[in-house]
Amino acid sequence: MSPQRNRVTPLGDIEAFPLRGAWTGNRGVIHRDREIVRFHASNLWITCALEFKDWWREQWLPNRWTHLFFHDEAVSFAAGHRPCAACRRPAYLAYRDAWGGQPSAADMNRQLHQERIFRGTHTRRFHQLPWPDLPDGTFVLLDHGPALIVDGSLAQWTRAGYTGHLRRPTTGTATVITPPSTVAVLRAGYPVQIDDSARH
């Protein structure tokens, strides 16, 4: 059976590839039948647990939020999502506290939406930061695609998972995929989940 088009890349694109991952989440109702027809429905982009209590819901239901899947939490953060306040309450609180200033969910949603895409489009925003300032869990854009900063090196991300490692530069600036506010959250110590394969 072919993979469904509900996997999310670090660039935020929704594609069909076998790698499913550790988390689900959504951007509202963005499908019709079994086809993705919108990039997002609102500024609420969240990352959810695959299992929570005894909740279960069939995918692709009409007029119900669209299930999306992420390889790991670092990928979901790069795509512009944040932890869900319902099914991932402790993670949501840790993310909010690392943000600083006790922002509301609505405040964080608005800020992240401004940082991840250009207004009225689904074109991604990137930003430049010095390499030494980037914490583990941050995604950067290299010539050959996204790479994750982890344990002092760069793990290349592909649609089959992490593969290969590169030396992390110590000078100059990087093109950063992960939104600035989430980079700050990571820098403040949020314990982002990274797939073990990125460390090998």
N, C-alpha and C. Protein backbone atom coordinates (compact mmCIF):
# COMPACT_ATOMS: atom_id res chain seq x y z
N MET A 1 0.84 -1.19 0.00
CA MET A 1 0.00 0.00 0.00
C MET A 1 0.88 1.25 0.00
N SER A 2 0.60 2.17 -0.87
CA SER A 2 1.40 3.39 -0.97
C SER A 2 1.19 4.27 0.25
N PRO A 3 2.25 4.99 0.68
CA PRO A 3 2.09 5.91 1.80
C PRO A 3 1.08 7.00 1.48
N GLN A 4 0.37 7.43 2.48
CA GLN A 4 -0.59 8.51 2.29
C GLN A 4 0.12 9.86 2.35
N ARG A 5 -0.46 10.84 1.71
CA ARG A 5 0.14 12.17 1.73
C ARG A 5 -0.27 12.90 3.01
N ASN A 6 0.41 12.56 4.10
CA ASN A 6 0.16 13.22 5.38
C ASN A 6 1.42 13.24 6.25
N ARG A 7 2.59 13.10 5.62
CA ARG A 7 3.86 13.20 6.32
C ARG A 7 4.41 14.61 6.11
N VAL A 8 5.04 15.15 7.14
CA VAL A 8 5.52 16.53 7.10
C VAL A 8 7.04 16.54 7.10
N THR A 9 7.63 17.34 6.22
CA THR A 9 9.08 17.50 6.17
C THR A 9 9.50 18.64 7.09
N PRO A 10 10.80 18.78 7.38
CA PRO A 10 11.25 19.92 8.18
C PRO A 10 10.92 21.27 7.54
N LEU A 11 10.74 21.30 6.23
CA LEU A 11 10.39 22.53 5.54
C LEU A 11 8.90 22.84 5.65
N GLY A 12 8.14 21.93 6.26
CA GLY A 12 6.72 22.15 6.44
C GLY A 12 5.85 21.60 5.34
N ASP A 13 6.48 21.03 4.30
CA ASP A 13 5.70 20.48 3.19
C ASP A 13 5.01 19.19 3.61
N ILE A 14 3.84 18.95 3.04
CA ILE A 14 3.07 17.73 3.33
C ILE A 14 3.19 16.82 2.12
N GLU A 15 3.80 15.65 2.34
CA GLU A 15 4.13 14.75 1.24
C GLU A 15 3.75 13.32 1.58
N ALA A 16 3.94 12.44 0.60
CA ALA A 16 3.72 11.00 0.80
C ALA A 16 5.08 10.30 0.75
N PHE A 17 5.51 9.78 1.88
CA PHE A 17 6.72 8.95 1.92
C PHE A 17 6.58 7.99 3.09
N PRO A 18 7.30 6.85 3.06
CA PRO A 18 7.07 5.80 4.05
C PRO A 18 7.35 6.20 5.49
N LEU A 19 8.32 7.07 5.73
CA LEU A 19 8.70 7.44 7.09
C LEU A 19 7.53 8.11 7.80
N ARG A 20 7.05 7.50 8.87
CA ARG A 20 5.87 8.04 9.55
C ARG A 20 6.26 8.81 10.80
N GLY A 21 6.85 8.15 11.76
CA GLY A 21 7.41 8.89 12.87
C GLY A 21 6.73 8.78 14.21
N ALA A 22 7.19 9.64 15.12
CA ALA A 22 6.86 9.54 16.53
C ALA A 22 5.67 10.37 16.96
N TRP A 23 5.21 11.30 16.12
CA TRP A 23 4.17 12.24 16.53
C TRP A 23 3.15 12.43 15.42
N THR A 24 1.95 12.78 15.83
CA THR A 24 0.94 13.26 14.90
C THR A 24 0.69 14.73 15.23
N GLY A 25 -0.27 15.33 14.57
CA GLY A 25 -0.57 16.73 14.80
C GLY A 25 -1.46 17.25 13.70
N ASN A 26 -1.71 18.55 13.70
CA ASN A 26 -2.60 19.07 12.66
C ASN A 26 -2.44 20.56 12.47
N ARG A 27 -3.05 21.03 11.38
CA ARG A 27 -3.17 22.45 11.04
C ARG A 27 -4.63 22.77 10.72
N GLY A 28 -5.54 22.01 11.33
CA GLY A 28 -6.96 22.18 11.06
C GLY A 28 -7.42 21.23 9.96
N VAL A 29 -8.55 21.55 9.36
CA VAL A 29 -9.13 20.73 8.30
C VAL A 29 -8.53 21.16 6.97
N ILE A 30 -7.64 20.34 6.42
CA ILE A 30 -6.96 20.72 5.18
C ILE A 30 -7.09 19.64 4.11
N HIS A 31 -8.06 18.72 4.28
CA HIS A 31 -8.25 17.66 3.30
C HIS A 31 -9.68 17.62 2.79
N ARG A 32 -9.84 17.01 1.63
CA ARG A 32 -11.15 16.66 1.08
C ARG A 32 -11.03 15.22 0.60
N ASP A 33 -11.95 14.37 1.07
CA ASP A 33 -11.80 12.93 0.87
C ASP A 33 -10.46 12.50 1.46
N ARG A 34 -9.54 11.97 0.64
CA ARG A 34 -8.23 11.58 1.15
C ARG A 34 -7.12 12.40 0.51
N GLU A 35 -7.46 13.61 0.08
CA GLU A 35 -6.49 14.47 -0.58
C GLU A 35 -6.27 15.74 0.24
N ILE A 36 -5.01 16.14 0.38
CA ILE A 36 -4.68 17.41 1.00
C ILE A 36 -5.00 18.52 -0.01
N VAL A 37 -5.82 19.48 0.38
CA VAL A 37 -6.23 20.54 -0.54
C VAL A 37 -5.84 21.93 -0.06
N ARG A 38 -5.32 22.03 1.16
CA ARG A 38 -4.87 23.31 1.71
C ARG A 38 -3.57 23.10 2.47
N PHE A 39 -2.78 24.16 2.59
CA PHE A 39 -1.53 24.08 3.34
C PHE A 39 -1.79 24.21 4.84
N HIS A 40 -2.77 25.01 5.20
CA HIS A 40 -3.17 25.14 6.59
C HIS A 40 -4.55 25.79 6.63
N ALA A 41 -5.24 25.66 7.77
CA ALA A 41 -6.57 26.23 7.92
C ALA A 41 -6.60 27.40 8.90
N SER A 42 -5.55 27.54 9.71
CA SER A 42 -5.49 28.62 10.69
C SER A 42 -4.05 28.77 11.15
N ASN A 43 -3.82 29.57 12.18
CA ASN A 43 -2.46 29.70 12.71
C ASN A 43 -2.18 28.71 13.83
N LEU A 44 -3.12 27.81 14.10
CA LEU A 44 -2.94 26.77 15.12
C LEU A 44 -2.30 25.54 14.48
N TRP A 45 -1.00 25.38 14.69
CA TRP A 45 -0.26 24.23 14.19
C TRP A 45 0.31 23.51 15.42
N ILE A 46 -0.16 22.30 15.69
CA ILE A 46 0.26 21.62 16.91
C ILE A 46 0.84 20.24 16.62
N THR A 47 1.60 19.75 17.59
CA THR A 47 2.17 18.41 17.56
C THR A 47 1.54 17.62 18.69
N CYS A 48 0.98 16.46 18.35
CA CYS A 48 0.20 15.67 19.31
C CYS A 48 0.82 14.29 19.53
N ALA A 49 0.45 13.68 20.65
CA ALA A 49 0.87 12.31 20.94
C ALA A 49 0.13 11.34 20.02
N LEU A 50 0.80 10.26 19.64
CA LEU A 50 0.14 9.24 18.83
C LEU A 50 -0.98 8.56 19.60
N GLU A 51 -0.81 8.46 20.92
CA GLU A 51 -1.83 7.85 21.78
C GLU A 51 -2.06 8.75 22.98
N PHE A 52 -3.32 8.89 23.37
CA PHE A 52 -3.67 9.70 24.53
C PHE A 52 -4.94 9.15 25.15
N LYS A 53 -4.83 8.71 26.41
CA LYS A 53 -5.95 8.07 27.11
C LYS A 53 -6.50 6.97 26.22
N ASP A 54 -7.81 6.92 26.04
CA ASP A 54 -8.38 5.91 25.15
C ASP A 54 -8.97 6.56 23.90
N TRP A 55 -8.50 7.75 23.58
CA TRP A 55 -9.02 8.46 22.41
C TRP A 55 -8.55 7.77 21.15
N TRP A 56 -9.44 7.66 20.21
CA TRP A 56 -9.09 7.13 18.89
C TRP A 56 -10.04 7.76 17.88
N ARG A 57 -9.49 8.09 16.73
CA ARG A 57 -10.34 8.67 15.70
C ARG A 57 -9.82 8.27 14.33
N GLU A 58 -10.74 7.86 13.48
CA GLU A 58 -10.38 7.50 12.11
C GLU A 58 -9.82 8.72 11.37
N GLN A 59 -8.85 8.45 10.51
CA GLN A 59 -8.29 9.53 9.69
C GLN A 59 -9.22 9.86 8.52
N TRP A 60 -9.02 11.05 7.96
CA TRP A 60 -9.69 11.51 6.75
C TRP A 60 -11.20 11.67 6.91
N LEU A 61 -11.69 11.85 8.13
CA LEU A 61 -13.12 12.08 8.30
C LEU A 61 -13.50 13.45 7.73
N PRO A 62 -14.68 13.56 7.12
CA PRO A 62 -15.09 14.85 6.56
C PRO A 62 -15.23 15.91 7.66
N ASN A 63 -14.73 17.10 7.37
CA ASN A 63 -14.88 18.26 8.26
C ASN A 63 -14.28 18.05 9.65
N ARG A 64 -13.29 17.20 9.73
CA ARG A 64 -12.55 16.99 10.98
C ARG A 64 -11.07 17.23 10.70
N TRP A 65 -10.33 17.64 11.73
CA TRP A 65 -8.93 18.00 11.49
C TRP A 65 -8.16 16.86 10.83
N THR A 66 -7.19 17.26 10.05
CA THR A 66 -6.40 16.34 9.24
C THR A 66 -5.18 15.85 10.01
N HIS A 67 -5.06 14.53 10.16
CA HIS A 67 -3.90 13.95 10.83
C HIS A 67 -2.65 14.14 9.98
N LEU A 68 -1.61 14.71 10.59
CA LEU A 68 -0.30 14.81 9.97
C LEU A 68 0.70 14.05 10.84
N PHE A 69 1.82 13.63 10.26
CA PHE A 69 2.79 12.82 10.99
C PHE A 69 4.20 13.38 10.82
N PHE A 70 4.99 13.29 11.90
CA PHE A 70 6.33 13.86 11.96
C PHE A 70 7.33 12.80 12.42
N HIS A 71 8.49 12.78 11.78
CA HIS A 71 9.55 11.83 12.12
C HIS A 71 9.92 11.94 13.59
N ASP A 72 10.16 13.14 14.06
CA ASP A 72 10.44 13.37 15.48
C ASP A 72 9.99 14.79 15.82
N GLU A 73 10.15 15.16 17.09
CA GLU A 73 9.68 16.47 17.50
C GLU A 73 10.50 17.59 16.88
N ALA A 74 11.79 17.34 16.65
CA ALA A 74 12.63 18.35 16.02
C ALA A 74 12.11 18.69 14.62
N VAL A 75 11.64 17.69 13.88
CA VAL A 75 11.05 17.93 12.56
C VAL A 75 9.78 18.76 12.70
N SER A 76 8.95 18.43 13.66
CA SER A 76 7.70 19.18 13.83
C SER A 76 7.98 20.64 14.20
N PHE A 77 9.00 20.86 15.03
CA PHE A 77 9.37 22.23 15.38
C PHE A 77 9.89 22.99 14.16
N ALA A 78 10.73 22.34 13.36
CA ALA A 78 11.23 23.00 12.16
C ALA A 78 10.09 23.38 11.22
N ALA A 79 9.10 22.51 11.13
CA ALA A 79 7.94 22.78 10.26
C ALA A 79 7.08 23.91 10.78
N GLY A 80 7.26 24.28 12.06
CA GLY A 80 6.53 25.41 12.62
C GLY A 80 5.46 25.06 13.63
N HIS A 81 5.42 23.80 14.07
CA HIS A 81 4.42 23.36 15.04
C HIS A 81 4.94 23.54 16.47
N ARG A 82 4.02 23.49 17.43
CA ARG A 82 4.35 23.53 18.85
C ARG A 82 3.61 22.40 19.55
N PRO A 83 3.97 22.05 20.80
CA PRO A 83 3.27 20.98 21.50
C PRO A 83 1.80 21.33 21.77
N CYS A 84 0.95 20.31 21.68
CA CYS A 84 -0.47 20.45 21.97
C CYS A 84 -0.67 20.66 23.47
N ALA A 85 -1.57 21.57 23.83
CA ALA A 85 -1.83 21.87 25.24
C ALA A 85 -2.75 20.84 25.89
N ALA A 86 -3.39 19.99 25.10
CA ALA A 86 -4.31 19.00 25.66
C ALA A 86 -3.61 17.66 25.87
N CYS A 87 -3.23 17.00 24.79
CA CYS A 87 -2.67 15.65 24.91
C CYS A 87 -1.20 15.66 25.33
N ARG A 88 -0.54 16.83 25.26
CA ARG A 88 0.88 16.93 25.65
C ARG A 88 1.06 18.08 26.64
N ARG A 89 0.22 18.11 27.64
CA ARG A 89 0.22 19.25 28.57
C ARG A 89 1.59 19.54 29.20
N PRO A 90 2.31 18.54 29.74
CA PRO A 90 3.62 18.86 30.32
C PRO A 90 4.59 19.46 29.29
N ALA A 91 4.59 18.93 28.08
CA ALA A 91 5.47 19.47 27.03
C ALA A 91 5.05 20.87 26.64
N TYR A 92 3.75 21.10 26.56
CA TYR A 92 3.25 22.44 26.24
C TYR A 92 3.70 23.45 27.31
N LEU A 93 3.57 23.09 28.57
CA LEU A 93 3.96 24.00 29.65
C LEU A 93 5.47 24.24 29.63
N ALA A 94 6.24 23.19 29.35
CA ALA A 94 7.70 23.36 29.28
C ALA A 94 8.07 24.27 28.12
N TYR A 95 7.39 24.13 26.99
CA TYR A 95 7.64 24.98 25.83
C TYR A 95 7.27 26.43 26.15
N ARG A 96 6.10 26.62 26.74
CA ARG A 96 5.66 27.97 27.10
C ARG A 96 6.60 28.63 28.11
N ASP A 97 7.02 27.86 29.11
CA ASP A 97 7.92 28.43 30.12
C ASP A 97 9.27 28.79 29.51
N ALA A 98 9.76 27.95 28.58
CA ALA A 98 11.03 28.25 27.92
C ALA A 98 10.90 29.45 26.99
N TRP A 99 9.69 29.69 26.48
CA TRP A 99 9.42 30.88 25.65
C TRP A 99 9.65 32.15 26.46
N GLY A 100 9.20 32.12 27.72
CA GLY A 100 9.36 33.26 28.62
C GLY A 100 8.17 34.19 28.58
N GLY A 101 7.85 34.77 29.74
CA GLY A 101 6.78 35.75 29.81
C GLY A 101 5.38 35.19 29.91
N GLN A 102 5.24 33.85 30.04
CA GLN A 102 3.93 33.23 30.17
C GLN A 102 2.95 33.64 29.05
N PRO A 103 3.33 33.48 27.79
CA PRO A 103 2.42 33.85 26.71
C PRO A 103 1.21 32.91 26.65
N SER A 104 0.11 33.41 26.10
CA SER A 104 -1.04 32.53 25.85
C SER A 104 -0.75 31.68 24.63
N ALA A 105 -1.53 30.62 24.47
CA ALA A 105 -1.40 29.79 23.27
C ALA A 105 -1.66 30.62 22.02
N ALA A 106 -2.65 31.51 22.09
CA ALA A 106 -2.98 32.35 20.93
C ALA A 106 -1.82 33.28 20.58
N ASP A 107 -1.15 33.82 21.59
CA ASP A 107 0.01 34.68 21.34
C ASP A 107 1.12 33.90 20.64
N MET A 108 1.40 32.70 21.12
CA MET A 108 2.45 31.89 20.50
C MET A 108 2.07 31.50 19.08
N ASN A 109 0.80 31.16 18.88
CA ASN A 109 0.35 30.79 17.53
C ASN A 109 0.56 31.94 16.55
N ARG A 110 0.20 33.14 16.96
CA ARG A 110 0.35 34.30 16.07
C ARG A 110 1.81 34.56 15.75
N GLN A 111 2.66 34.49 16.79
CA GLN A 111 4.07 34.75 16.57
C GLN A 111 4.70 33.70 15.65
N LEU A 112 4.42 32.44 15.91
CA LEU A 112 4.97 31.38 15.09
C LEU A 112 4.50 31.48 13.64
N HIS A 113 3.24 31.87 13.46
CA HIS A 113 2.71 31.96 12.10
C HIS A 113 3.42 33.05 11.31
N GLN A 114 3.74 34.15 11.97
CA GLN A 114 4.49 35.22 11.31
C GLN A 114 5.90 34.76 10.95
N GLU A 115 6.44 33.87 11.75
CA GLU A 115 7.83 33.44 11.55
C GLU A 115 7.98 32.31 10.55
N ARG A 116 6.92 31.54 10.31
CA ARG A 116 7.12 30.34 9.48
C ARG A 116 6.77 30.53 8.02
N ILE A 117 5.77 31.37 7.70
CA ILE A 117 5.40 31.56 6.30
C ILE A 117 5.13 33.03 6.00
N PHE A 118 5.30 33.39 4.74
CA PHE A 118 4.95 34.74 4.31
C PHE A 118 3.44 34.88 4.27
N ARG A 119 2.95 36.02 4.68
CA ARG A 119 1.52 36.28 4.77
C ARG A 119 0.81 35.96 3.47
N GLY A 120 -0.29 35.21 3.57
CA GLY A 120 -1.13 34.92 2.42
C GLY A 120 -0.56 33.86 1.48
N THR A 121 0.51 33.18 1.89
CA THR A 121 1.13 32.17 1.04
C THR A 121 1.45 30.94 1.88
N HIS A 122 2.03 29.93 1.23
CA HIS A 122 2.63 28.84 2.00
C HIS A 122 4.13 28.78 1.73
N THR A 123 4.69 29.92 1.36
CA THR A 123 6.14 30.01 1.16
C THR A 123 6.83 30.17 2.50
N ARG A 124 7.80 29.30 2.76
CA ARG A 124 8.47 29.31 4.05
C ARG A 124 9.39 30.51 4.23
N ARG A 125 9.44 30.98 5.45
CA ARG A 125 10.42 31.98 5.86
C ARG A 125 11.63 31.27 6.46
N PHE A 126 12.81 31.73 6.11
CA PHE A 126 14.02 31.26 6.77
C PHE A 126 14.69 32.48 7.41
N HIS A 127 15.64 32.25 8.28
CA HIS A 127 16.35 33.36 8.91
C HIS A 127 17.80 32.98 9.09
N GLN A 128 18.62 33.97 9.32
CA GLN A 128 20.06 33.77 9.44
C GLN A 128 20.48 33.95 10.90
N LEU A 129 21.28 33.02 11.40
CA LEU A 129 21.84 33.13 12.75
C LEU A 129 23.27 32.62 12.73
N PRO A 130 24.12 33.12 13.61
CA PRO A 130 25.49 32.61 13.69
C PRO A 130 25.50 31.14 14.11
N TRP A 131 26.37 30.35 13.48
CA TRP A 131 26.44 28.93 13.81
C TRP A 131 26.64 28.68 15.31
N PRO A 132 27.51 29.42 15.99
CA PRO A 132 27.72 29.12 17.42
C PRO A 132 26.47 29.35 18.29
N ASP A 133 25.50 30.12 17.79
CA ASP A 133 24.32 30.43 18.59
C ASP A 133 23.20 29.39 18.48
N LEU A 134 23.40 28.35 17.67
CA LEU A 134 22.31 27.42 17.40
C LEU A 134 22.35 26.22 18.34
N PRO A 135 21.26 25.98 19.07
CA PRO A 135 21.20 24.84 20.00
C PRO A 135 20.87 23.54 19.29
N ASP A 136 21.14 22.43 19.96
CA ASP A 136 20.71 21.12 19.47
C ASP A 136 19.20 21.14 19.23
N GLY A 137 18.77 20.43 18.20
CA GLY A 137 17.35 20.36 17.86
C GLY A 137 16.94 21.36 16.80
N THR A 138 17.87 22.25 16.39
CA THR A 138 17.60 23.24 15.36
C THR A 138 17.87 22.65 13.98
N PHE A 139 16.98 22.90 13.04
CA PHE A 139 17.20 22.51 11.65
C PHE A 139 17.75 23.69 10.86
N VAL A 140 18.73 23.39 10.02
CA VAL A 140 19.30 24.37 9.10
C VAL A 140 19.13 23.86 7.68
N LEU A 141 19.24 24.77 6.73
CA LEU A 141 19.12 24.41 5.32
C LEU A 141 20.49 24.46 4.67
N LEU A 142 20.95 23.31 4.19
CA LEU A 142 22.22 23.21 3.47
C LEU A 142 21.94 23.10 1.98
N ASP A 143 22.98 23.07 1.18
CA ASP A 143 22.80 22.99 -0.28
C ASP A 143 22.03 21.74 -0.70
N HIS A 144 22.21 20.66 0.04
CA HIS A 144 21.57 19.39 -0.33
C HIS A 144 20.33 19.09 0.52
N GLY A 145 19.85 20.04 1.32
CA GLY A 145 18.61 19.85 2.04
C GLY A 145 18.73 20.11 3.53
N PRO A 146 17.68 19.76 4.29
CA PRO A 146 17.67 20.05 5.73
C PRO A 146 18.66 19.18 6.51
N ALA A 147 19.22 19.75 7.56
CA ALA A 147 20.10 19.01 8.46
C ALA A 147 19.83 19.47 9.88
N LEU A 148 19.99 18.55 10.81
CA LEU A 148 19.69 18.79 12.22
C LEU A 148 20.98 18.95 13.02
N ILE A 149 21.02 19.97 13.86
CA ILE A 149 22.14 20.13 14.79
C ILE A 149 21.92 19.20 15.98
N VAL A 150 22.85 18.30 16.19
CA VAL A 150 22.73 17.36 17.29
C VAL A 150 24.12 16.91 17.72
N ASP A 151 24.38 16.98 19.01
CA ASP A 151 25.65 16.52 19.59
C ASP A 151 26.86 17.12 18.88
N GLY A 152 26.78 18.40 18.53
CA GLY A 152 27.92 19.08 17.96
C GLY A 152 28.18 18.82 16.49
N SER A 153 27.29 18.09 15.83
CA SER A 153 27.46 17.84 14.41
C SER A 153 26.14 18.07 13.68
N LEU A 154 26.12 17.76 12.39
CA LEU A 154 24.91 17.93 11.58
C LEU A 154 24.47 16.57 11.06
N ALA A 155 23.23 16.19 11.34
CA ALA A 155 22.65 14.95 10.82
C ALA A 155 21.75 15.31 9.65
N GLN A 156 22.04 14.77 8.49
CA GLN A 156 21.25 15.06 7.30
C GLN A 156 19.90 14.36 7.39
N TRP A 157 18.83 15.08 7.08
CA TRP A 157 17.49 14.50 7.09
C TRP A 157 17.07 14.17 5.66
N THR A 158 16.52 12.97 5.48
CA THR A 158 15.96 12.58 4.19
C THR A 158 14.58 11.99 4.42
N ARG A 159 13.86 11.73 3.36
CA ARG A 159 12.53 11.14 3.48
C ARG A 159 12.57 9.68 3.90
N ALA A 160 13.77 9.15 4.07
CA ALA A 160 13.95 7.81 4.63
C ALA A 160 14.52 7.87 6.04
N GLY A 161 14.71 9.07 6.56
CA GLY A 161 15.25 9.24 7.91
C GLY A 161 16.58 9.96 7.89
N TYR A 162 17.23 9.99 9.04
CA TYR A 162 18.53 10.65 9.14
C TYR A 162 19.60 9.77 8.52
N THR A 163 20.51 10.41 7.80
CA THR A 163 21.58 9.65 7.17
C THR A 163 22.80 10.54 7.03
N GLY A 164 23.92 10.03 7.46
CA GLY A 164 25.18 10.76 7.31
C GLY A 164 25.31 11.91 8.30
N HIS A 165 26.54 12.23 8.61
CA HIS A 165 26.83 13.32 9.53
C HIS A 165 27.90 14.22 8.93
N LEU A 166 27.76 15.50 9.16
CA LEU A 166 28.70 16.49 8.69
C LEU A 166 29.23 17.27 9.88
N ARG A 167 30.40 17.83 9.71
CA ARG A 167 30.95 18.67 10.76
C ARG A 167 30.17 19.99 10.81
N ARG A 168 29.85 20.41 12.00
CA ARG A 168 29.14 21.67 12.16
C ARG A 168 30.13 22.84 12.07
N PRO A 169 29.85 23.83 11.22
CA PRO A 169 30.75 24.99 11.16
C PRO A 169 30.79 25.72 12.50
N THR A 170 31.89 26.36 12.76
CA THR A 170 32.05 27.11 14.01
C THR A 170 32.07 28.61 13.78
N THR A 171 32.09 29.02 12.53
CA THR A 171 32.06 30.45 12.19
C THR A 171 31.04 30.69 11.09
N GLY A 172 30.71 31.95 10.87
CA GLY A 172 29.77 32.30 9.81
C GLY A 172 28.33 32.16 10.27
N THR A 173 27.41 32.30 9.33
CA THR A 173 25.98 32.24 9.63
C THR A 173 25.32 31.07 8.90
N ALA A 174 24.27 30.57 9.51
CA ALA A 174 23.50 29.46 8.95
C ALA A 174 22.15 29.96 8.48
N THR A 175 21.61 29.30 7.46
CA THR A 175 20.23 29.51 7.06
C THR A 175 19.37 28.58 7.90
N VAL A 176 18.57 29.14 8.79
CA VAL A 176 17.86 28.36 9.81
C VAL A 176 16.41 28.15 9.38
N ILE A 177 15.95 26.90 9.48
CA ILE A 177 14.57 26.54 9.14
C ILE A 177 13.66 26.70 10.37
N THR A 178 14.10 26.21 11.51
CA THR A 178 13.30 26.28 12.73
C THR A 178 12.98 27.74 13.06
N PRO A 179 11.71 28.07 13.31
CA PRO A 179 11.35 29.47 13.58
C PRO A 179 12.14 30.07 14.74
N PRO A 180 12.43 31.38 14.68
CA PRO A 180 13.25 32.02 15.71
C PRO A 180 12.76 31.81 17.14
N SER A 181 11.44 31.88 17.34
CA SER A 181 10.92 31.72 18.71
C SER A 181 11.19 30.32 19.24
N THR A 182 11.10 29.31 18.37
CA THR A 182 11.37 27.95 18.81
C THR A 182 12.85 27.73 19.01
N VAL A 183 13.70 28.36 18.20
CA VAL A 183 15.15 28.30 18.45
C VAL A 183 15.44 28.84 19.85
N ALA A 184 14.80 29.93 20.21
CA ALA A 184 15.00 30.50 21.55
C ALA A 184 14.51 29.54 22.63
N VAL A 185 13.40 28.85 22.38
CA VAL A 185 12.89 27.85 23.32
C VAL A 185 13.91 26.72 23.51
N LEU A 186 14.50 26.26 22.41
CA LEU A 186 15.51 25.21 22.49
C LEU A 186 16.75 25.72 23.24
N ARG A 187 17.13 26.95 22.97
CA ARG A 187 18.30 27.52 23.63
C ARG A 187 18.06 27.64 25.14
N ALA A 188 16.79 27.85 25.52
CA ALA A 188 16.44 27.98 26.94
C ALA A 188 16.36 26.63 27.64
N GLY A 189 16.53 25.53 26.90
CA GLY A 189 16.62 24.22 27.54
C GLY A 189 15.46 23.28 27.33
N TYR A 190 14.51 23.61 26.43
CA TYR A 190 13.40 22.67 26.19
C TYR A 190 13.99 21.34 25.69
N PRO A 191 13.57 20.20 26.28
CA PRO A 191 14.15 18.89 25.94
C PRO A 191 13.49 18.28 24.71
N VAL A 192 13.80 18.78 23.54
CA VAL A 192 13.17 18.32 22.31
C VAL A 192 13.49 16.85 22.05
N GLN A 193 12.50 16.11 21.58
CA GLN A 193 12.70 14.70 21.23
C GLN A 193 13.33 14.61 19.84
N ILE A 194 14.44 13.89 19.75
CA ILE A 194 15.16 13.67 18.50
C ILE A 194 15.29 12.18 18.29
N ASP A 195 15.00 11.70 17.08
CA ASP A 195 15.11 10.27 16.81
C ASP A 195 16.54 9.80 17.05
N ASP A 196 16.67 8.61 17.65
CA ASP A 196 17.99 8.09 17.99
C ASP A 196 18.91 7.97 16.78
N SER A 197 18.35 7.75 15.60
CA SER A 197 19.19 7.56 14.40
C SER A 197 19.99 8.82 14.08
N ALA A 198 19.56 9.97 14.56
CA ALA A 198 20.30 11.21 14.29
C ALA A 198 21.61 11.26 15.06
N ARG A 199 21.75 10.43 16.07
CA ARG A 199 22.95 10.47 16.92
C ARG A 199 23.97 9.42 16.54
N HIS A 200 23.70 8.62 15.54
CA HIS A 200 24.61 7.51 15.18
C HIS A 200 25.49 7.90 14.00
